[in-house]
């Protein structure tokens, strides 16, 4: 189960969202789109395999913002990735 802090984090890129992408309990996706990585919550992040594929695709394309106007001025991909809850990172070592 995710902590209250973690339910607002994109499982793919680590961006914090005002509305929890997977609902308050972390198990009911909104199917909204992450303005940073472009992930559709509940589709491209429904399994760890999908999360790995989505994150790899996003990073290999230069970690570009899906909606650039929302990109913070001093944004750091490294800092943002550190926000991803550990249960969505464990098996990603070595990518």
PDB file of N, CA and C in Angstrom:
ATOM      1  N   UNK A   1       0.837  -1.184   0.000  1.00  0.00           N
ATOM      2  CA  UNK A   1       0.000   0.000   0.000  1.00  0.00           C
ATOM      3  C   UNK A   1       0.882   1.249   0.000  1.00  0.00           C
ATOM      4  N   UNK A   2       0.490   2.239  -0.749  1.00  0.00           N
ATOM      5  CA  UNK A   2       1.246   3.480  -0.837  1.00  0.00           C
ATOM      6  C   UNK A   2       0.918   4.400   0.326  1.00  0.00           C
ATOM      7  N   UNK A   3       1.906   5.186   0.722  1.00  0.00           N
ATOM      8  CA  UNK A   3       1.665   6.191   1.753  1.00  0.00           C
ATOM      9  C   UNK A   3       0.826   7.317   1.158  1.00  0.00           C
ATOM     10  N   UNK A   4       0.227   8.131   2.011  1.00  0.00           N
ATOM     11  CA  UNK A   4      -0.577   9.265   1.542  1.00  0.00           C
ATOM     12  C   UNK A   4       0.251  10.211   0.675  1.00  0.00           C
ATOM     13  N   UNK A   5       1.537  10.343   0.988  1.00  0.00           N
ATOM     14  CA  UNK A   5       2.432  11.199   0.210  1.00  0.00           C
ATOM     15  C   UNK A   5       2.668  10.610  -1.182  1.00  0.00           C
ATOM     16  N   UNK A   6       2.780   9.293  -1.265  1.00  0.00           N
ATOM     17  CA  UNK A   6       3.140   8.630  -2.519  1.00  0.00           C
ATOM     18  C   UNK A   6       1.992   8.501  -3.526  1.00  0.00           C
ATOM     19  N   UNK A   7       0.748   8.573  -3.087  1.00  0.00           N
ATOM     20  CA  UNK A   7      -0.365   8.380  -4.025  1.00  0.00           C
ATOM     21  C   UNK A   7      -0.465   9.495  -5.055  1.00  0.00           C
ATOM     22  N   UNK A   8       0.160  10.629  -4.809  1.00  0.00           N
ATOM     23  CA  UNK A   8       0.105  11.744  -5.753  1.00  0.00           C
ATOM     24  C   UNK A   8       1.262  11.750  -6.748  1.00  0.00           C
ATOM     25  N   UNK A   9       2.109  10.741  -6.704  1.00  0.00           N
ATOM     26  CA  UNK A   9       3.307  10.684  -7.539  1.00  0.00           C
ATOM     27  C   UNK A   9       3.078   9.808  -8.767  1.00  0.00           C
ATOM     28  N   UNK A  10       3.514  10.282  -9.930  1.00  0.00           N
ATOM     29  CA  UNK A  10       3.478   9.471 -11.148  1.00  0.00           C
ATOM     30  C   UNK A  10       4.451   8.308 -10.975  1.00  0.00           C
ATOM     31  N   UNK A  11       3.985   7.108 -11.231  1.00  0.00           N
ATOM     32  CA  UNK A  11       4.804   5.899 -11.071  1.00  0.00           C
ATOM     33  C   UNK A  11       5.908   5.806 -12.118  1.00  0.00           C
ATOM     34  N   UNK A  12       5.755   6.520 -13.200  1.00  0.00           N
ATOM     35  CA  UNK A  12       6.734   6.472 -14.289  1.00  0.00           C
ATOM     36  C   UNK A  12       7.829   7.520 -14.119  1.00  0.00           C
ATOM     37  N   UNK A  13       7.446   8.786 -13.913  1.00  0.00           N
ATOM     38  CA  UNK A  13       8.451   9.863 -13.904  1.00  0.00           C
ATOM     39  C   UNK A  13       8.670  10.530 -12.552  1.00  0.00           C
ATOM     40  N   UNK A  14       7.776  10.292 -11.593  1.00  0.00           N
ATOM     41  CA  UNK A  14       7.964  10.880 -10.274  1.00  0.00           C
ATOM     42  C   UNK A  14       7.343  12.253 -10.073  1.00  0.00           C
ATOM     43  N   UNK A  15       6.598  12.754 -11.040  1.00  0.00           N
ATOM     44  CA  UNK A  15       5.968  14.064 -10.899  1.00  0.00           C
ATOM     45  C   UNK A  15       4.840  14.004  -9.873  1.00  0.00           C
ATOM     46  N   UNK A  16       4.776  15.009  -8.985  1.00  0.00           N
ATOM     47  CA  UNK A  16       3.701  15.116  -8.008  1.00  0.00           C
ATOM     48  C   UNK A  16       2.492  15.739  -8.682  1.00  0.00           C
ATOM     49  N   UNK A  17       1.308  15.149  -8.457  1.00  0.00           N
ATOM     50  CA  UNK A  17       0.052  15.634  -9.034  1.00  0.00           C
ATOM     51  C   UNK A  17      -0.897  16.070  -7.923  1.00  0.00           C
ATOM     52  N   UNK A  18      -1.700  17.099  -8.196  1.00  0.00           N
ATOM     53  CA  UNK A  18      -2.702  17.557  -7.234  1.00  0.00           C
ATOM     54  C   UNK A  18      -3.732  16.461  -6.954  1.00  0.00           C
ATOM     55  N   UNK A  19      -4.126  15.744  -7.990  1.00  0.00           N
ATOM     56  CA  UNK A  19      -5.088  14.646  -7.867  1.00  0.00           C
ATOM     57  C   UNK A  19      -4.316  13.329  -7.962  1.00  0.00           C
ATOM     58  N   UNK A  20      -4.498  12.408  -7.018  1.00  0.00           N
ATOM     59  CA  UNK A  20      -3.772  11.137  -7.078  1.00  0.00           C
ATOM     60  C   UNK A  20      -4.065  10.383  -8.377  1.00  0.00           C
ATOM     61  N   UNK A  21      -3.031  10.067  -9.180  1.00  0.00           N
ATOM     62  CA  UNK A  21      -3.229   9.385 -10.459  1.00  0.00           C
ATOM     63  C   UNK A  21      -3.966   8.053 -10.354  1.00  0.00           C
ATOM     64  N   UNK A  22      -3.824   7.391  -9.196  1.00  0.00           N
ATOM     65  CA  UNK A  22      -4.465   6.098  -8.968  1.00  0.00           C
ATOM     66  C   UNK A  22      -5.460   6.168  -7.815  1.00  0.00           C
ATOM     67  N   UNK A  23      -6.021   7.338  -7.548  1.00  0.00           N
ATOM     68  CA  UNK A  23      -7.008   7.499  -6.488  1.00  0.00           C
ATOM     69  C   UNK A  23      -6.387   7.562  -5.106  1.00  0.00           C
ATOM     70  N   UNK A  24      -7.184   7.903  -4.123  1.00  0.00           N
ATOM     71  CA  UNK A  24      -6.720   8.092  -2.743  1.00  0.00           C
ATOM     72  C   UNK A  24      -6.096   6.829  -2.147  1.00  0.00           C
ATOM     73  N   UNK A  25      -6.572   5.660  -2.543  1.00  0.00           N
ATOM     74  CA  UNK A  25      -6.049   4.397  -2.013  1.00  0.00           C
ATOM     75  C   UNK A  25      -4.952   3.814  -2.896  1.00  0.00           C
ATOM     76  N   UNK A  26      -4.737   4.424  -4.061  1.00  0.00           N
ATOM     77  CA  UNK A  26      -3.685   3.953  -4.963  1.00  0.00           C
ATOM     78  C   UNK A  26      -4.063   2.753  -5.803  1.00  0.00           C
ATOM     79  N   UNK A  27      -5.375   2.500  -5.971  1.00  0.00           N
ATOM     80  CA  UNK A  27      -5.770   1.318  -6.738  1.00  0.00           C
ATOM     81  C   UNK A  27      -6.893   1.564  -7.756  1.00  0.00           C
ATOM     82  N   UNK A  28      -7.275   2.831  -7.949  1.00  0.00           N
ATOM     83  CA  UNK A  28      -8.320   3.159  -8.918  1.00  0.00           C
ATOM     84  C   UNK A  28      -7.802   4.254  -9.844  1.00  0.00           C
ATOM     85  N   UNK A  29      -7.295   3.879 -11.025  1.00  0.00           N
ATOM     86  CA  UNK A  29      -6.691   4.870 -11.911  1.00  0.00           C
ATOM     87  C   UNK A  29      -7.686   5.898 -12.436  1.00  0.00           C
ATOM     88  N   UNK A  30      -7.179   7.103 -12.645  1.00  0.00           N
ATOM     89  CA  UNK A  30      -8.005   8.194 -13.176  1.00  0.00           C
ATOM     90  C   UNK A  30      -8.039   8.213 -14.701  1.00  0.00           C
ATOM     91  N   UNK A  31      -7.058   7.569 -15.329  1.00  0.00           N
ATOM     92  CA  UNK A  31      -6.891   7.588 -16.780  1.00  0.00           C
ATOM     93  C   UNK A  31      -6.569   8.987 -17.292  1.00  0.00           C
ATOM     94  N   UNK A  32      -6.145   9.873 -16.388  1.00  0.00           N
ATOM     95  CA  UNK A  32      -5.623  11.180 -16.791  1.00  0.00           C
ATOM     96  C   UNK A  32      -4.243  10.981 -17.405  1.00  0.00           C
ATOM     97  N   UNK A  33      -3.715  12.016 -18.006  1.00  0.00           N
ATOM     98  CA  UNK A  33      -2.405  11.969 -18.648  1.00  0.00           C
ATOM     99  C   UNK A  33      -1.421  12.799 -17.835  1.00  0.00           C
ATOM    100  N   UNK A  34      -0.234  12.255 -17.572  1.00  0.00           N
ATOM    101  CA  UNK A  34       0.815  12.994 -16.867  1.00  0.00           C
ATOM    102  C   UNK A  34       1.366  14.069 -17.796  1.00  0.00           C
ATOM    103  N   UNK A  35       1.344  15.325 -17.321  1.00  0.00           N
ATOM    104  CA  UNK A  35       1.839  16.414 -18.157  1.00  0.00           C
ATOM    105  C   UNK A  35       3.347  16.356 -18.365  1.00  0.00           C
ATOM    106  N   UNK A  36       4.046  15.588 -17.548  1.00  0.00           N
ATOM    107  CA  UNK A  36       5.495  15.470 -17.714  1.00  0.00           C
ATOM    108  C   UNK A  36       5.857  14.358 -18.710  1.00  0.00           C
ATOM    109  N   UNK A  37       5.554  13.109 -18.362  1.00  0.00           N
ATOM    110  CA  UNK A  37       5.991  11.989 -19.210  1.00  0.00           C
ATOM    111  C   UNK A  37       4.946  11.517 -20.218  1.00  0.00           C
ATOM    112  N   UNK A  38       3.705  11.988 -20.091  1.00  0.00           N
ATOM    113  CA  UNK A  38       2.662  11.604 -21.034  1.00  0.00           C
ATOM    114  C   UNK A  38       1.999  10.270 -20.734  1.00  0.00           C
ATOM    115  N   UNK A  39       2.295   9.673 -19.597  1.00  0.00           N
ATOM    116  CA  UNK A  39       1.701   8.388 -19.219  1.00  0.00           C
ATOM    117  C   UNK A  39       0.202   8.536 -18.971  1.00  0.00           C
ATOM    118  N   UNK A  40      -0.577   7.590 -19.487  1.00  0.00           N
ATOM    119  CA  UNK A  40      -2.000   7.532 -19.166  1.00  0.00           C
ATOM    120  C   UNK A  40      -2.136   6.618 -17.953  1.00  0.00           C
ATOM    121  N   UNK A  41      -2.554   7.201 -16.827  1.00  0.00           N
ATOM    122  CA  UNK A  41      -2.655   6.449 -15.581  1.00  0.00           C
ATOM    123  C   UNK A  41      -3.716   5.360 -15.693  1.00  0.00           C
ATOM    124  N   UNK A  42      -3.298   4.139 -15.390  1.00  0.00           N
ATOM    125  CA  UNK A  42      -4.200   3.000 -15.471  1.00  0.00           C
ATOM    126  C   UNK A  42      -3.994   2.199 -16.738  1.00  0.00           C
ATOM    127  N   UNK A  43      -3.210   2.722 -17.639  1.00  0.00           N
ATOM    128  CA  UNK A  43      -2.943   2.022 -18.895  1.00  0.00           C
ATOM    129  C   UNK A  43      -1.444   1.775 -19.051  1.00  0.00           C
ATOM    130  N   UNK A  44      -0.663   2.842 -19.114  1.00  0.00           N
ATOM    131  CA  UNK A  44       0.776   2.698 -19.336  1.00  0.00           C
ATOM    132  C   UNK A  44       1.567   2.513 -18.048  1.00  0.00           C
ATOM    133  N   UNK A  45       0.865   2.440 -16.917  1.00  0.00           N
ATOM    134  CA  UNK A  45       1.534   2.219 -15.638  1.00  0.00           C
ATOM    135  C   UNK A  45       0.784   1.188 -14.789  1.00  0.00           C
ATOM    136  N   UNK A  46       0.054   0.292 -15.449  1.00  0.00           N
ATOM    137  CA  UNK A  46      -0.780  -0.679 -14.743  1.00  0.00           C
ATOM    138  C   UNK A  46       0.007  -1.849 -14.157  1.00  0.00           C
ATOM    139  N   UNK A  47       1.186  -2.121 -14.687  1.00  0.00           N
ATOM    140  CA  UNK A  47       2.030  -3.204 -14.176  1.00  0.00           C
ATOM    141  C   UNK A  47       3.465  -2.690 -14.074  1.00  0.00           C
ATOM    142  N   UNK A  48       4.279  -3.387 -13.310  1.00  0.00           N
ATOM    143  CA  UNK A  48       5.676  -2.987 -13.198  1.00  0.00           C
ATOM    144  C   UNK A  48       6.369  -3.062 -14.567  1.00  0.00           C
ATOM    145  N   UNK A  49       6.031  -4.066 -15.350  1.00  0.00           N
ATOM    146  CA  UNK A  49       6.597  -4.189 -16.698  1.00  0.00           C
ATOM    147  C   UNK A  49       6.233  -2.973 -17.558  1.00  0.00           C
ATOM    148  N   UNK A  50       4.988  -2.528 -17.474  1.00  0.00           N
ATOM    149  CA  UNK A  50       4.536  -1.347 -18.232  1.00  0.00           C
ATOM    150  C   UNK A  50       5.232  -0.085 -17.730  1.00  0.00           C
ATOM    151  N   UNK A  51       5.419   0.015 -16.416  1.00  0.00           N
ATOM    152  CA  UNK A  51       6.113   1.169 -15.839  1.00  0.00           C
ATOM    153  C   UNK A  51       7.547   1.228 -16.356  1.00  0.00           C
ATOM    154  N   UNK A  52       8.232   0.084 -16.338  1.00  0.00           N
ATOM    155  CA  UNK A  52       9.616   0.020 -16.823  1.00  0.00           C
ATOM    156  C   UNK A  52       9.679   0.427 -18.291  1.00  0.00           C
ATOM    157  N   UNK A  53       8.771  -0.102 -19.098  1.00  0.00           N
ATOM    158  CA  UNK A  53       8.754   0.222 -20.533  1.00  0.00           C
ATOM    159  C   UNK A  53       8.474   1.706 -20.756  1.00  0.00           C
ATOM    160  N   UNK A  54       7.498   2.246 -20.035  1.00  0.00           N
ATOM    161  CA  UNK A  54       7.146   3.666 -20.193  1.00  0.00           C
ATOM    162  C   UNK A  54       8.287   4.564 -19.748  1.00  0.00           C
ATOM    163  N   UNK A  55       8.897   4.240 -18.610  1.00  0.00           N
ATOM    164  CA  UNK A  55      10.007   5.067 -18.112  1.00  0.00           C
ATOM    165  C   UNK A  55      11.208   4.989 -19.061  1.00  0.00           C
ATOM    166  N   UNK A  56      11.517   3.806 -19.532  1.00  0.00           N
ATOM    167  CA  UNK A  56      12.639   3.633 -20.462  1.00  0.00           C
ATOM    168  C   UNK A  56      12.415   4.422 -21.739  1.00  0.00           C
ATOM    169  N   UNK A  57      11.203   4.352 -22.265  1.00  0.00           N
ATOM    170  CA  UNK A  57      10.854   5.077 -23.502  1.00  0.00           C
ATOM    171  C   UNK A  57      10.974   6.592 -23.269  1.00  0.00           C
ATOM    172  N   UNK A  58      10.444   7.068 -22.140  1.00  0.00           N
ATOM    173  CA  UNK A  58      10.481   8.499 -21.832  1.00  0.00           C
ATOM    174  C   UNK A  58      11.915   8.988 -21.659  1.00  0.00           C
ATOM    175  N   UNK A  59      12.714   8.255 -20.896  1.00  0.00           N
ATOM    176  CA  UNK A  59      14.108   8.660 -20.662  1.00  0.00           C
ATOM    177  C   UNK A  59      14.938   8.587 -21.944  1.00  0.00           C
ATOM    178  N   UNK A  60      14.734   7.535 -22.735  1.00  0.00           N
ATOM    179  CA  UNK A  60      15.531   7.385 -23.959  1.00  0.00           C
ATOM    180  C   UNK A  60      15.180   8.426 -25.016  1.00  0.00           C
ATOM    181  N   UNK A  61      13.994   9.040 -24.881  1.00  0.00           N
ATOM    182  CA  UNK A  61      13.613  10.111 -25.819  1.00  0.00           C
ATOM    183  C   UNK A  61      14.025  11.482 -25.287  1.00  0.00           C
ATOM    184  N   UNK A  62      14.812  11.499 -24.221  1.00  0.00           N
ATOM    185  CA  UNK A  62      15.326  12.757 -23.697  1.00  0.00           C
ATOM    186  C   UNK A  62      14.546  13.324 -22.529  1.00  0.00           C
ATOM    187  N   UNK A  63      13.625  12.536 -21.955  1.00  0.00           N
ATOM    188  CA  UNK A  63      12.818  12.972 -20.808  1.00  0.00           C
ATOM    189  C   UNK A  63      12.121  14.310 -21.092  1.00  0.00           C
ATOM    190  N   UNK A  64      11.599  14.414 -22.302  1.00  0.00           N
ATOM    191  CA  UNK A  64      10.903  15.645 -22.697  1.00  0.00           C
ATOM    192  C   UNK A  64       9.533  15.718 -22.044  1.00  0.00           C
ATOM    193  N   UNK A  65       9.110  16.919 -21.706  1.00  0.00           N
ATOM    194  CA  UNK A  65       7.799  17.131 -21.099  1.00  0.00           C
ATOM    195  C   UNK A  65       6.711  16.967 -22.154  1.00  0.00           C
ATOM    196  N   UNK A  66       5.694  16.223 -21.804  1.00  0.00           N
ATOM    197  CA  UNK A  66       4.549  16.007 -22.690  1.00  0.00           C
ATOM    198  C   UNK A  66       3.828  17.326 -22.952  1.00  0.00           C
ATOM    199  N   UNK A  67       3.689  18.157 -21.910  1.00  0.00           N
ATOM    200  CA  UNK A  67       3.103  19.490 -22.044  1.00  0.00           C
ATOM    201  C   UNK A  67       4.149  20.481 -21.525  1.00  0.00           C
ATOM    202  N   UNK A  68       5.020  20.944 -22.407  1.00  0.00           N
ATOM    203  CA  UNK A  68       6.163  21.781 -22.009  1.00  0.00           C
ATOM    204  C   UNK A  68       5.828  23.015 -21.177  1.00  0.00           C
ATOM    205  N   UNK A  69       4.653  23.604 -21.345  1.00  0.00           N
ATOM    206  CA  UNK A  69       4.333  24.821 -20.588  1.00  0.00           C
ATOM    207  C   UNK A  69       4.249  24.566 -19.083  1.00  0.00           C
ATOM    208  N   UNK A  70       4.114  23.308 -18.651  1.00  0.00           N
ATOM    209  CA  UNK A  70       4.045  22.980 -17.225  1.00  0.00           C
ATOM    210  C   UNK A  70       5.414  22.654 -16.621  1.00  0.00           C
ATOM    211  N   UNK A  71       6.448  22.618 -17.441  1.00  0.00           N
ATOM    212  CA  UNK A  71       7.792  22.281 -16.957  1.00  0.00           C
ATOM    213  C   UNK A  71       8.332  23.419 -16.075  1.00  0.00           C
ATOM    214  N   UNK A  72       8.670  23.122 -14.804  1.00  0.00           N
ATOM    215  CA  UNK A  72       9.226  24.163 -13.927  1.00  0.00           C
ATOM    216  C   UNK A  72      10.558  24.690 -14.465  1.00  0.00           C
ATOM    217  N   UNK A  73      10.838  25.926 -14.145  1.00  0.00           N
ATOM    218  CA  UNK A  73      12.032  26.590 -14.660  1.00  0.00           C
ATOM    219  C   UNK A  73      13.329  25.852 -14.297  1.00  0.00           C
ATOM    220  N   UNK A  74      13.488  25.446 -13.061  1.00  0.00           N
ATOM    221  CA  UNK A  74      14.718  24.771 -12.619  1.00  0.00           C
ATOM    222  C   UNK A  74      14.514  23.277 -12.441  1.00  0.00           C
ATOM    223  N   UNK A  75      13.761  22.651 -13.341  1.00  0.00           N
ATOM    224  CA  UNK A  75      13.413  21.235 -13.259  1.00  0.00           C
ATOM    225  C   UNK A  75      14.644  20.349 -13.403  1.00  0.00           C
ATOM    226  N   UNK A  76      14.672  19.280 -12.612  1.00  0.00           N
ATOM    227  CA  UNK A  76      15.748  18.292 -12.669  1.00  0.00           C
ATOM    228  C   UNK A  76      15.136  16.900 -12.779  1.00  0.00           C
ATOM    229  N   UNK A  77      15.422  16.203 -13.870  1.00  0.00           N
ATOM    230  CA  UNK A  77      14.898  14.849 -14.045  1.00  0.00           C
ATOM    231  C   UNK A  77      15.416  13.935 -12.940  1.00  0.00           C
ATOM    232  N   UNK A  78      16.671  14.108 -12.530  1.00  0.00           N
ATOM    233  CA  UNK A  78      17.248  13.261 -11.489  1.00  0.00           C
ATOM    234  C   UNK A  78      16.504  13.424 -10.166  1.00  0.00           C
ATOM    235  N   UNK A  79      16.234  14.664  -9.793  1.00  0.00           N
ATOM    236  CA  UNK A  79      15.498  14.922  -8.544  1.00  0.00           C
ATOM    237  C   UNK A  79      14.078  14.371  -8.617  1.00  0.00           C
ATOM    238  N   UNK A  80      13.437  14.542  -9.751  1.00  0.00           N
ATOM    239  CA  UNK A  80      12.063  14.061  -9.896  1.00  0.00           C
ATOM    240  C   UNK A  80      12.000  12.542  -9.828  1.00  0.00           C
ATOM    241  N   UNK A  81      12.934  11.854 -10.476  1.00  0.00           N
ATOM    242  CA  UNK A  81      12.943  10.390 -10.453  1.00  0.00           C
ATOM    243  C   UNK A  81      13.116   9.849  -9.039  1.00  0.00           C
ATOM    244  N   UNK A  82      13.786  10.598  -8.177  1.00  0.00           N
ATOM    245  CA  UNK A  82      13.991  10.164  -6.799  1.00  0.00           C
ATOM    246  C   UNK A  82      12.692  10.158  -5.998  1.00  0.00           C
ATOM    247  N   UNK A  83      11.650  10.803  -6.496  1.00  0.00           N
ATOM    248  CA  UNK A  83      10.357  10.859  -5.799  1.00  0.00           C
ATOM    249  C   UNK A  83       9.502   9.616  -6.043  1.00  0.00           C
ATOM    250  N   UNK A  84       9.885   8.784  -7.020  1.00  0.00           N
ATOM    251  CA  UNK A  84       9.087   7.605  -7.342  1.00  0.00           C
ATOM    252  C   UNK A  84       9.080   6.658  -6.137  1.00  0.00           C
ATOM    253  N   UNK A  85       7.895   6.209  -5.710  1.00  0.00           N
ATOM    254  CA  UNK A  85       7.818   5.284  -4.579  1.00  0.00           C
ATOM    255  C   UNK A  85       8.684   4.044  -4.822  1.00  0.00           C
ATOM    256  N   UNK A  86       9.354   3.585  -3.779  1.00  0.00           N
ATOM    257  CA  UNK A  86      10.334   2.502  -3.911  1.00  0.00           C
ATOM    258  C   UNK A  86       9.766   1.222  -4.506  1.00  0.00           C
ATOM    259  N   UNK A  87       8.493   0.913  -4.276  1.00  0.00           N
ATOM    260  CA  UNK A  87       7.949  -0.324  -4.846  1.00  0.00           C
ATOM    261  C   UNK A  87       7.793  -0.253  -6.364  1.00  0.00           C
ATOM    262  N   UNK A  88       8.004   0.919  -6.953  1.00  0.00           N
ATOM    263  CA  UNK A  88       7.981   1.049  -8.412  1.00  0.00           C
ATOM    264  C   UNK A  88       9.386   1.281  -8.964  1.00  0.00           C
ATOM    265  N   UNK A  89      10.407   1.118  -8.102  1.00  0.00           N
ATOM    266  CA  UNK A  89      11.785   1.336  -8.505  1.00  0.00           C
ATOM    267  C   UNK A  89      12.651   0.100  -8.302  1.00  0.00           C
ATOM    268  N   UNK A  90      12.377  -0.705  -7.297  1.00  0.00           N
ATOM    269  CA  UNK A  90      13.234  -1.824  -6.909  1.00  0.00           C
ATOM    270  C   UNK A  90      13.784  -2.629  -8.076  1.00  0.00           C
ATOM    271  N   UNK A  91      12.915  -3.044  -8.968  1.00  0.00           N
ATOM    272  CA  UNK A  91      13.344  -3.902 -10.067  1.00  0.00           C
ATOM    273  C   UNK A  91      13.899  -3.132 -11.253  1.00  0.00           C
ATOM    274  N   UNK A  92      14.087  -1.837 -11.093  1.00  0.00           N
ATOM    275  CA  UNK A  92      14.563  -1.025 -12.190  1.00  0.00           C
ATOM    276  C   UNK A  92      16.075  -0.815 -12.151  1.00  0.00           C
ATOM    277  N   UNK A  93      16.735  -1.302 -11.113  1.00  0.00           N
ATOM    278  CA  UNK A  93      18.179  -1.170 -11.006  1.00  0.00           C
ATOM    279  C   UNK A  93      18.812  -1.848 -12.215  1.00  0.00           C
ATOM    280  N   UNK A  94      19.750  -1.193 -12.835  1.00  0.00           N
ATOM    281  CA  UNK A  94      20.436  -1.778 -13.977  1.00  0.00           C
ATOM    282  C   UNK A  94      19.871  -1.353 -15.321  1.00  0.00           C
ATOM    283  N   UNK A  95      18.824  -0.565 -15.331  1.00  0.00           N
ATOM    284  CA  UNK A  95      18.286  -0.094 -16.623  1.00  0.00           C
ATOM    285  C   UNK A  95      19.152   1.024 -17.153  1.00  0.00           C
TER     286      UNK A  95
END
